[in-house]
Amino acid sequence: MAANDVAVRVRGVSHQFGEEGESLYVRALSDTSLDISRGELMCLIGPSGCGKSTLLNVVGGLLTPTTGKVLVGDTEVRGPLPQEIAYVFQENALFPWSTVIENVRLGMMFQGVARAEREARALSLQTGILLMDEPFGALDEQTRMVLGEDLSVLLARTEKTIVFVTHSLGEAVFLADRVAVFSARPGTIKDIIEIEEPHPRKPAFMTSEKFTRLRNQLYGLLHDEIRKAVIESTASERMARSKGAAS
């Protein structure tokens, strides 16, 4: 991959919340490195609490990494870059009866953007990079599938760089050019799976043998990590209950 083909460089990023020894101390990310190409959709997937959203927030400049750095082009991220990056948060802020592009146009209408400008500026207000943190997570599966198709069409038309956090194996396979699979916390990238399927993707892809094989591959990589996360979560809950009882 040529240097000028890379939109985002993540270099040795670790992040912790709180200080070691404190009750709220959490090591969310550990020594994570990743190159994200221009025009690709990179999905981040892993167990709950593995640092996917934390990494997205670091890339977006909403968090400063404890160690390591992120570069957007040649610029080190030291805070939000609104001219370069747009963020779609996890909240349910979409109208499910509208397509992705219609939702974006509606947002620009509320901002007072003239009708003639909305099509040219559609999708994240002219930014080159879009960070999406489970944007379809609150929707039913059928609506997620339809919006996923719309997003694939938009990717083919606009060649935006999209980093997309999801818990859904099927959503990751259907949308992504590559899927970064995270380990249990402290999260780091366990493997990267390439989805060699051109955009825009058709619904028939979801019923193909290739789709099933890739989904099973992701599940195989995640299975042990999910078990580790469940064990850690259960142990943390027991410790919290015992401390509460002791106090």
Protein backbone atom coordinates (compact mmCIF):
# COMPACT_ATOMS: atom_id res chain seq x y z
CA MET A 1 0.00 0.00 0.00
CA ALA A 2 1.51 3.33 -1.07
CA ALA A 3 1.85 5.99 1.62
CA ASN A 4 -0.49 8.38 -0.19
CA ASP A 5 -3.19 5.67 -0.29
CA VAL A 6 -3.45 5.62 3.52
CA ALA A 7 -6.12 7.87 5.06
CA VAL A 8 -5.58 6.98 8.73
CA ARG A 9 -2.49 5.60 10.48
CA VAL A 10 -2.88 4.19 13.98
CA ARG A 11 0.51 3.65 15.59
CA GLY A 12 0.98 1.80 18.87
CA VAL A 13 -2.14 3.24 20.47
CA SER A 14 -2.93 2.27 24.05
CA HIS A 15 -5.52 3.89 26.27
CA GLN A 16 -6.48 3.61 29.90
CA PHE A 17 -9.24 5.23 31.91
CA GLY A 18 -8.19 6.31 35.40
CA GLU A 19 -4.95 5.44 37.16
CA GLU A 20 -3.74 1.98 38.08
CA GLY A 21 -4.93 1.03 41.54
CA GLU A 22 -8.06 3.19 41.35
CA SER A 23 -11.44 1.49 41.50
CA LEU A 24 -12.45 2.79 38.05
CA TYR A 25 -9.16 1.96 36.34
CA VAL A 26 -9.62 0.26 32.95
CA ARG A 27 -7.05 -0.68 30.32
CA ALA A 28 -9.21 -0.35 27.23
CA LEU A 29 -6.64 -0.61 24.42
CA SER A 30 -3.16 -2.08 24.19
CA ASP A 31 -0.51 -1.32 21.53
CA THR A 32 -2.91 -1.16 18.59
CA SER A 33 -1.65 -0.34 15.08
CA LEU A 34 -3.69 -0.13 11.89
CA ASP A 35 -3.58 1.45 8.43
CA ILE A 36 -6.92 2.43 6.87
CA SER A 37 -6.88 3.04 3.12
CA ARG A 38 -8.56 5.91 1.35
CA GLY A 39 -11.99 4.93 0.12
CA GLU A 40 -12.32 1.73 2.13
CA LEU A 41 -14.88 0.73 4.72
CA MET A 42 -13.08 -0.76 7.72
CA CYS A 43 -15.23 -2.52 10.29
CA LEU A 44 -14.08 -2.90 13.90
CA ILE A 45 -15.60 -5.90 15.66
CA GLY A 46 -14.94 -7.59 18.98
CA PRO A 47 -16.37 -8.45 22.40
CA SER A 48 -18.13 -5.82 24.47
CA GLY A 49 -15.62 -3.59 26.24
CA CYS A 50 -12.71 -4.47 23.94
CA GLY A 51 -11.93 -0.86 23.01
CA LYS A 52 -13.56 -0.54 19.57
CA SER A 53 -15.38 2.68 20.41
CA THR A 54 -12.35 3.90 22.35
CA LEU A 55 -10.21 3.56 19.23
CA LEU A 56 -12.87 5.33 17.17
CA ASN A 57 -12.84 8.20 19.68
CA VAL A 58 -9.05 8.39 19.53
CA VAL A 59 -9.13 8.52 15.71
CA GLY A 60 -11.80 11.23 15.90
CA GLY A 61 -9.78 13.31 18.34
CA LEU A 62 -12.32 12.94 21.14
CA LEU A 63 -9.81 11.05 23.31
CA THR A 64 -6.06 11.47 23.65
CA PRO A 65 -4.28 8.11 23.67
CA THR A 66 -2.25 7.19 26.73
CA THR A 67 0.54 6.08 24.39
CA GLY A 68 0.95 6.03 20.62
CA LYS A 69 -0.52 8.35 18.01
CA VAL A 70 -2.96 8.64 15.11
CA LEU A 71 -2.21 10.40 11.83
CA VAL A 72 -4.81 11.61 9.35
CA GLY A 73 -2.80 12.15 6.22
CA ASP A 74 0.33 13.83 7.54
CA THR A 75 -1.46 15.48 10.47
CA GLU A 76 -1.23 14.01 13.96
CA VAL A 77 -4.63 13.97 15.63
CA ARG A 78 -4.50 16.14 18.75
CA GLY A 79 -8.18 17.04 18.89
CA PRO A 80 -11.24 17.00 16.62
CA LEU A 81 -10.59 17.65 12.91
CA PRO A 82 -14.04 18.81 11.71
CA GLN A 83 -12.79 19.59 8.20
CA GLU A 84 -11.44 16.05 7.83
CA ILE A 85 -13.64 13.80 9.97
CA ALA A 86 -17.37 13.47 10.66
CA TYR A 87 -18.81 11.31 13.43
CA VAL A 88 -22.07 9.34 13.58
CA PHE A 89 -22.72 8.48 17.22
CA GLN A 90 -24.44 5.41 18.64
CA GLU A 91 -27.70 7.18 19.48
CA ASN A 92 -30.79 6.37 17.43
CA ALA A 93 -30.84 9.57 15.36
CA LEU A 94 -31.94 8.13 12.00
CA PHE A 95 -35.41 8.02 10.48
CA PRO A 96 -35.73 4.32 9.56
CA TRP A 97 -38.28 4.99 6.81
CA SER A 98 -35.70 7.07 4.92
CA THR A 99 -32.53 6.01 3.14
CA VAL A 100 -29.09 6.98 4.47
CA ILE A 101 -28.76 9.71 1.86
CA GLU A 102 -32.21 11.10 2.70
CA ASN A 103 -31.28 11.23 6.39
CA VAL A 104 -28.14 13.19 5.53
CA ARG A 105 -30.05 15.59 3.25
CA LEU A 106 -32.60 16.19 6.03
CA GLY A 107 -29.82 17.10 8.48
CA MET A 108 -28.47 19.63 6.00
CA MET A 109 -31.94 21.04 5.45
CA PHE A 110 -32.22 21.69 9.20
CA GLN A 111 -28.83 23.44 8.99
CA GLY A 112 -30.19 25.77 6.30
CA VAL A 113 -28.25 24.29 3.36
CA ALA A 114 -29.93 25.20 0.06
CA ARG A 115 -31.58 22.33 -1.86
CA ALA A 116 -29.16 22.69 -4.78
CA GLU A 117 -26.18 22.17 -2.47
CA ARG A 118 -27.48 19.13 -0.60
CA GLU A 119 -26.65 16.49 -3.26
CA ALA A 120 -23.04 17.74 -3.77
CA ARG A 121 -22.46 18.00 -0.04
CA ALA A 122 -24.28 14.77 0.83
CA LEU A 123 -22.65 12.45 3.36
CA SER A 124 -20.85 14.05 6.28
CA LEU A 125 -20.60 17.63 5.03
CA GLN A 126 -17.73 17.15 2.58
CA THR A 127 -15.41 15.43 5.03
CA GLY A 128 -13.27 12.64 3.65
CA ILE A 129 -13.51 10.34 6.67
CA LEU A 130 -16.67 9.14 8.40
CA LEU A 131 -16.55 7.43 11.81
CA MET A 132 -19.67 5.39 12.60
CA ASP A 133 -20.24 3.90 16.05
CA GLU A 134 -22.99 1.26 15.71
CA PRO A 135 -25.23 3.73 13.84
CA PHE A 136 -27.84 1.08 13.06
CA GLY A 137 -27.65 -0.66 16.44
CA ALA A 138 -31.07 0.47 17.68
CA LEU A 139 -32.88 -0.57 14.51
CA ASP A 140 -34.54 -3.87 13.69
CA GLU A 141 -32.61 -6.35 11.56
CA GLN A 142 -34.62 -5.79 8.38
CA THR A 143 -34.14 -2.02 8.52
CA ARG A 144 -30.43 -2.47 9.23
CA MET A 145 -30.12 -4.61 6.10
CA VAL A 146 -31.78 -1.98 3.91
CA LEU A 147 -29.70 0.88 5.33
CA GLY A 148 -26.61 -1.28 4.93
CA GLU A 149 -27.41 -1.62 1.23
CA ASP A 150 -27.76 2.17 0.99
CA LEU A 151 -24.42 2.67 2.72
CA SER A 152 -22.73 0.27 0.30
CA VAL A 153 -24.15 2.27 -2.63
CA LEU A 154 -22.91 5.52 -1.10
CA LEU A 155 -19.46 4.08 -0.59
CA ALA A 156 -19.29 3.09 -4.25
CA ARG A 157 -20.42 6.56 -5.36
CA THR A 158 -18.41 8.79 -3.03
CA GLU A 159 -15.29 6.76 -2.16
CA LYS A 160 -15.43 8.06 1.41
CA THR A 161 -13.22 6.43 4.02
CA ILE A 162 -15.49 4.87 6.65
CA VAL A 163 -14.56 3.31 9.99
CA PHE A 164 -17.58 1.38 11.26
CA VAL A 165 -17.98 -0.19 14.71
CA THR A 166 -20.46 -3.06 14.96
CA HIS A 167 -21.27 -6.13 17.04
CA SER A 168 -23.01 -7.82 14.13
CA LEU A 169 -20.99 -10.44 12.24
CA GLY A 170 -23.35 -10.30 9.27
CA GLU A 171 -23.26 -6.51 9.12
CA ALA A 172 -19.46 -6.54 9.18
CA VAL A 173 -19.23 -9.06 6.32
CA PHE A 174 -21.84 -7.28 4.22
CA LEU A 175 -20.40 -3.77 4.60
CA ALA A 176 -16.66 -4.04 5.08
CA ASP A 177 -13.75 -4.12 2.71
CA ARG A 178 -11.73 -5.32 5.70
CA VAL A 179 -12.72 -6.36 9.22
CA ALA A 180 -10.38 -5.75 12.15
CA VAL A 181 -11.09 -8.37 14.82
CA PHE A 182 -10.31 -7.24 18.38
CA SER A 183 -9.26 -9.36 21.33
CA ALA A 184 -10.90 -9.17 24.73
CA ARG A 185 -9.88 -6.21 26.90
CA PRO A 186 -7.34 -4.72 26.84
CA GLY A 187 -8.19 -4.74 23.17
CA THR A 188 -5.70 -5.14 20.39
CA ILE A 189 -6.14 -6.32 16.82
CA LYS A 190 -6.13 -10.11 16.70
CA ASP A 191 -6.55 -10.46 12.94
CA ILE A 192 -7.74 -8.59 9.85
CA ILE A 193 -10.07 -10.31 7.39
CA GLU A 194 -10.41 -9.09 3.81
CA ILE A 195 -13.86 -9.16 2.22
CA GLU A 196 -13.16 -9.29 -1.49
CA GLU A 197 -16.56 -8.23 -2.79
CA PRO A 198 -17.10 -5.04 -4.84
CA HIS A 199 -19.45 -2.24 -3.77
CA PRO A 200 -22.33 -1.70 -4.13
CA ARG A 201 -23.23 -5.06 -2.64
CA LYS A 202 -26.44 -6.85 -3.49
CA PRO A 203 -28.81 -8.66 -1.08
CA ALA A 204 -27.92 -11.94 -2.83
CA PHE A 205 -24.43 -11.70 -1.30
CA MET A 206 -25.98 -12.39 2.12
CA THR A 207 -27.21 -15.80 1.00
CA SER A 208 -24.01 -16.83 -0.77
CA GLU A 209 -21.59 -19.53 0.34
CA LYS A 210 -18.84 -16.89 0.46
CA PHE A 211 -20.82 -14.77 2.93
CA THR A 212 -21.45 -17.77 5.19
CA ARG A 213 -17.79 -18.81 5.08
CA LEU A 214 -16.57 -15.31 6.01
CA ARG A 215 -19.13 -14.96 8.80
CA ASN A 216 -18.07 -18.32 10.23
CA GLN A 217 -14.43 -17.26 10.02
CA LEU A 218 -15.19 -14.14 12.05
CA TYR A 219 -17.10 -16.17 14.63
CA GLY A 220 -14.20 -18.57 14.96
CA LEU A 221 -11.82 -15.69 15.65
CA LEU A 222 -14.20 -14.09 18.18
CA HIS A 223 -15.43 -17.15 20.07
CA ASP A 224 -12.61 -17.42 22.61
CA GLU A 225 -12.37 -13.64 22.99
CA ILE A 226 -16.08 -13.40 23.82
CA ARG A 227 -15.66 -16.12 26.47
CA LYS A 228 -12.74 -14.21 28.01
CA ALA A 229 -14.82 -11.03 28.09
CA VAL A 230 -17.77 -12.80 29.75
CA ILE A 231 -15.49 -14.36 32.40
CA GLU A 232 -13.87 -10.98 33.12
CA SER A 233 -17.24 -9.23 33.33
CA THR A 234 -18.61 -11.87 35.71
CA ALA A 235 -15.51 -11.66 37.92
CA SER A 236 -15.77 -7.84 38.02
CA GLU A 237 -19.43 -8.00 39.04
CA ARG A 238 -18.67 -10.48 41.84
CA MET A 239 -15.84 -8.29 43.12
CA ALA A 240 -18.09 -5.22 43.09
CA ARG A 241 -20.81 -7.09 45.02
CA SER A 242 -18.33 -8.35 47.60
CA LYS A 243 -16.93 -4.85 48.15
CA GLY A 244 -20.46 -3.51 48.51
CA ALA A 245 -21.30 -6.18 51.07
CA ALA A 246 -18.10 -5.51 53.00
CA SER A 247 -18.81 -1.80 53.22
